[in-house]
Structure formats: C-alpha cells, structure tokens
C-alpha cells in the first residue's frame, strides 16, 4: 500500500462547491493510479473527510484538475 497526495491545480466554484488552488489530501491506496481506478473513490472520500466537499459533484475528480503524487 502506498501513500498518495492529491492537490487541486486551480481555484473555482462549480455546482455551488468552492475549491481553492493548493487544497490537498493525503490518502493510502493499493492502486497505482488511484484517480482512474475504482472511479477515484479513494480520492473523493479523502476530500470529503478533509474538507467536506464532493469533488465528483464539483467536476474536478480528474487529472485535469488534480495533481496526484506518490509520496510514500
């Protein structure tokens, strides 16, 4: 299991959900590409826990909006 960090690339508001550039979450994953595996559920859940926002509903649950780094 590896540790990943997802960081928002740019600020915005979509569907009433505000997100800021630099918002980041750390989360464990057994997948090499956690954003594209299993619908990105691990990344989505991590943002929900940390910030209380639904990045899927905001439309930013993609590599165009998030930088995913393996940190451990």
N, C-alpha and C. Protein backbone atom coordinates (compact mmCIF):
# COMPACT_ATOMS: atom_id res chain seq x y z
N UNK A 1 0.85 -1.18 0.00
CA UNK A 1 0.00 0.00 0.00
C UNK A 1 0.89 1.24 0.00
N UNK A 2 0.56 2.18 -0.86
CA UNK A 2 1.35 3.41 -0.99
C UNK A 2 0.56 4.61 -0.50
N UNK A 3 1.28 5.67 -0.18
CA UNK A 3 0.66 6.90 0.25
C UNK A 3 0.72 7.90 -0.90
N UNK A 4 -0.42 8.54 -1.19
CA UNK A 4 -0.52 9.49 -2.28
C UNK A 4 -0.99 10.84 -1.75
N UNK A 5 -0.71 11.89 -2.52
CA UNK A 5 -1.21 13.24 -2.23
C UNK A 5 -1.92 13.75 -3.47
N UNK A 6 -3.15 14.25 -3.29
CA UNK A 6 -3.91 14.87 -4.37
C UNK A 6 -4.01 16.36 -4.07
N UNK A 7 -3.66 17.21 -5.04
CA UNK A 7 -3.65 18.65 -4.87
C UNK A 7 -4.46 19.30 -5.98
N UNK A 8 -5.32 20.24 -5.61
CA UNK A 8 -6.13 20.98 -6.59
C UNK A 8 -5.22 21.95 -7.35
N UNK A 9 -5.32 21.95 -8.68
CA UNK A 9 -4.45 22.77 -9.52
C UNK A 9 -4.89 24.22 -9.64
N UNK A 10 -6.22 24.49 -9.63
CA UNK A 10 -6.68 25.88 -9.76
C UNK A 10 -7.97 26.09 -8.98
N UNK A 11 -8.21 27.31 -8.56
CA UNK A 11 -9.39 27.67 -7.78
C UNK A 11 -10.62 27.80 -8.67
N UNK A 12 -11.79 27.63 -8.04
CA UNK A 12 -13.03 27.81 -8.79
C UNK A 12 -14.24 27.45 -7.95
N UNK A 13 -15.40 27.62 -8.54
CA UNK A 13 -16.66 27.22 -7.94
C UNK A 13 -17.50 26.54 -9.01
N UNK A 14 -17.94 25.33 -8.73
CA UNK A 14 -18.78 24.58 -9.65
C UNK A 14 -19.89 23.93 -8.86
N UNK A 15 -21.12 24.04 -9.36
CA UNK A 15 -22.29 23.46 -8.68
C UNK A 15 -22.36 23.90 -7.23
N UNK A 16 -21.97 25.12 -6.96
CA UNK A 16 -22.03 25.66 -5.61
C UNK A 16 -20.94 25.17 -4.67
N UNK A 17 -19.96 24.45 -5.20
CA UNK A 17 -18.86 23.91 -4.40
C UNK A 17 -17.60 24.71 -4.69
N UNK A 18 -17.06 25.35 -3.67
CA UNK A 18 -15.86 26.17 -3.80
C UNK A 18 -14.62 25.32 -3.52
N UNK A 19 -13.63 25.41 -4.39
CA UNK A 19 -12.36 24.72 -4.18
C UNK A 19 -11.25 25.71 -4.49
N UNK A 20 -10.16 25.60 -3.76
CA UNK A 20 -9.04 26.53 -3.86
C UNK A 20 -7.78 25.83 -4.34
N UNK A 21 -7.01 26.52 -5.16
CA UNK A 21 -5.72 26.00 -5.59
C UNK A 21 -4.88 25.69 -4.35
N UNK A 22 -4.26 24.51 -4.35
CA UNK A 22 -3.40 24.12 -3.24
C UNK A 22 -4.07 23.25 -2.21
N UNK A 23 -5.40 23.15 -2.23
CA UNK A 23 -6.07 22.22 -1.31
C UNK A 23 -5.52 20.83 -1.59
N UNK A 24 -5.08 20.14 -0.54
CA UNK A 24 -4.52 18.82 -0.78
C UNK A 24 -4.92 17.85 0.32
N UNK A 25 -4.91 16.58 -0.04
CA UNK A 25 -5.21 15.50 0.90
C UNK A 25 -4.20 14.39 0.69
N UNK A 26 -3.86 13.71 1.76
CA UNK A 26 -3.01 12.52 1.70
C UNK A 26 -3.89 11.32 1.98
N UNK A 27 -3.68 10.24 1.24
CA UNK A 27 -4.51 9.05 1.41
C UNK A 27 -3.73 7.81 0.97
N UNK A 28 -4.02 6.67 1.59
CA UNK A 28 -3.37 5.42 1.19
C UNK A 28 -4.15 4.79 0.04
N UNK A 29 -3.45 4.05 -0.80
CA UNK A 29 -4.11 3.34 -1.89
C UNK A 29 -3.28 2.12 -2.28
N UNK A 30 -3.97 1.09 -2.66
CA UNK A 30 -3.30 -0.11 -3.16
C UNK A 30 -3.18 -0.05 -4.68
N UNK A 31 -3.75 0.98 -5.30
CA UNK A 31 -3.75 1.13 -6.75
C UNK A 31 -2.65 2.10 -7.18
N UNK A 32 -2.05 1.84 -8.31
CA UNK A 32 -1.00 2.71 -8.83
C UNK A 32 -1.55 4.02 -9.38
N UNK A 33 -2.79 4.01 -9.84
CA UNK A 33 -3.45 5.20 -10.39
C UNK A 33 -4.78 5.39 -9.64
N UNK A 34 -4.75 5.91 -8.42
CA UNK A 34 -5.97 5.96 -7.61
C UNK A 34 -7.09 6.83 -8.17
N UNK A 35 -6.77 7.79 -9.01
CA UNK A 35 -7.80 8.66 -9.57
C UNK A 35 -8.59 7.96 -10.68
N UNK A 36 -7.93 7.09 -11.42
CA UNK A 36 -8.61 6.41 -12.53
C UNK A 36 -9.06 5.00 -12.18
N UNK A 37 -8.75 4.52 -10.99
CA UNK A 37 -9.15 3.19 -10.57
C UNK A 37 -10.34 3.28 -9.64
N UNK A 38 -11.32 2.42 -9.86
CA UNK A 38 -12.50 2.35 -9.00
C UNK A 38 -13.25 3.69 -8.94
N UNK A 39 -13.25 4.42 -10.02
CA UNK A 39 -13.96 5.69 -10.09
C UNK A 39 -13.37 6.79 -9.23
N UNK A 40 -12.14 6.61 -8.77
CA UNK A 40 -11.49 7.62 -7.94
C UNK A 40 -12.07 7.73 -6.54
N UNK A 41 -12.74 6.68 -6.09
CA UNK A 41 -13.44 6.72 -4.79
C UNK A 41 -12.52 7.07 -3.61
N UNK A 42 -11.29 6.62 -3.64
CA UNK A 42 -10.37 6.92 -2.54
C UNK A 42 -10.05 8.41 -2.47
N UNK A 43 -9.86 9.03 -3.63
CA UNK A 43 -9.56 10.46 -3.69
C UNK A 43 -10.80 11.26 -3.28
N UNK A 44 -11.95 10.89 -3.81
CA UNK A 44 -13.20 11.58 -3.50
C UNK A 44 -13.48 11.51 -2.00
N UNK A 45 -13.31 10.33 -1.42
CA UNK A 45 -13.55 10.15 0.02
C UNK A 45 -12.57 10.97 0.87
N UNK A 46 -11.33 11.08 0.42
CA UNK A 46 -10.32 11.85 1.17
C UNK A 46 -10.69 13.33 1.21
N UNK A 47 -11.15 13.89 0.09
CA UNK A 47 -11.57 15.30 0.07
C UNK A 47 -12.83 15.51 0.91
N UNK A 48 -13.72 14.53 0.90
CA UNK A 48 -14.92 14.62 1.73
C UNK A 48 -14.56 14.65 3.21
N UNK A 49 -13.63 13.80 3.62
CA UNK A 49 -13.20 13.76 5.02
C UNK A 49 -12.49 15.04 5.44
N UNK A 50 -11.60 15.51 4.59
CA UNK A 50 -10.76 16.66 4.96
C UNK A 50 -11.48 18.00 4.85
N UNK A 51 -12.27 18.18 3.80
CA UNK A 51 -12.86 19.50 3.52
C UNK A 51 -14.38 19.51 3.49
N UNK A 52 -14.99 18.33 3.48
CA UNK A 52 -16.44 18.26 3.40
C UNK A 52 -16.99 18.64 2.03
N UNK A 53 -16.18 18.47 0.99
CA UNK A 53 -16.64 18.79 -0.36
C UNK A 53 -16.66 17.53 -1.23
N UNK A 54 -17.58 17.50 -2.17
CA UNK A 54 -17.71 16.39 -3.10
C UNK A 54 -17.06 16.81 -4.42
N UNK A 55 -15.81 16.37 -4.64
CA UNK A 55 -15.09 16.79 -5.84
C UNK A 55 -15.68 16.17 -7.10
N UNK A 56 -16.39 15.07 -6.96
CA UNK A 56 -17.05 14.48 -8.13
C UNK A 56 -18.19 15.38 -8.58
N UNK A 57 -19.01 15.83 -7.64
CA UNK A 57 -20.11 16.73 -7.96
C UNK A 57 -19.60 18.08 -8.49
N UNK A 58 -18.44 18.49 -7.99
CA UNK A 58 -17.83 19.73 -8.46
C UNK A 58 -17.19 19.57 -9.84
N UNK A 59 -17.04 18.34 -10.29
CA UNK A 59 -16.48 18.08 -11.61
C UNK A 59 -14.98 18.20 -11.69
N UNK A 60 -14.30 18.06 -10.54
CA UNK A 60 -12.83 18.18 -10.57
C UNK A 60 -12.12 16.88 -10.22
N UNK A 61 -12.84 15.77 -10.28
CA UNK A 61 -12.23 14.48 -9.97
C UNK A 61 -11.55 13.91 -11.21
N UNK A 62 -10.58 14.67 -11.73
CA UNK A 62 -9.84 14.22 -12.92
C UNK A 62 -8.42 14.78 -12.87
N UNK A 63 -7.57 14.21 -13.69
CA UNK A 63 -6.18 14.65 -13.71
C UNK A 63 -6.03 16.06 -14.30
N UNK A 64 -7.06 16.56 -14.98
CA UNK A 64 -7.02 17.93 -15.49
C UNK A 64 -7.09 18.94 -14.35
N UNK A 65 -7.69 18.54 -13.23
CA UNK A 65 -7.89 19.45 -12.10
C UNK A 65 -7.09 19.09 -10.86
N UNK A 66 -6.61 17.84 -10.80
CA UNK A 66 -5.89 17.37 -9.62
C UNK A 66 -4.52 16.84 -10.00
N UNK A 67 -3.54 17.17 -9.19
CA UNK A 67 -2.20 16.59 -9.34
C UNK A 67 -2.09 15.46 -8.32
N UNK A 68 -1.81 14.26 -8.79
CA UNK A 68 -1.68 13.09 -7.92
C UNK A 68 -0.20 12.73 -7.85
N UNK A 69 0.35 12.68 -6.63
CA UNK A 69 1.76 12.34 -6.42
C UNK A 69 1.85 11.18 -5.45
N UNK A 70 2.77 10.28 -5.73
CA UNK A 70 3.07 9.20 -4.79
C UNK A 70 4.10 9.75 -3.81
N UNK A 71 3.78 9.73 -2.50
CA UNK A 71 4.69 10.31 -1.52
C UNK A 71 5.27 9.28 -0.57
N UNK A 72 4.82 8.08 -0.64
CA UNK A 72 5.37 7.07 0.27
C UNK A 72 5.07 5.68 -0.14
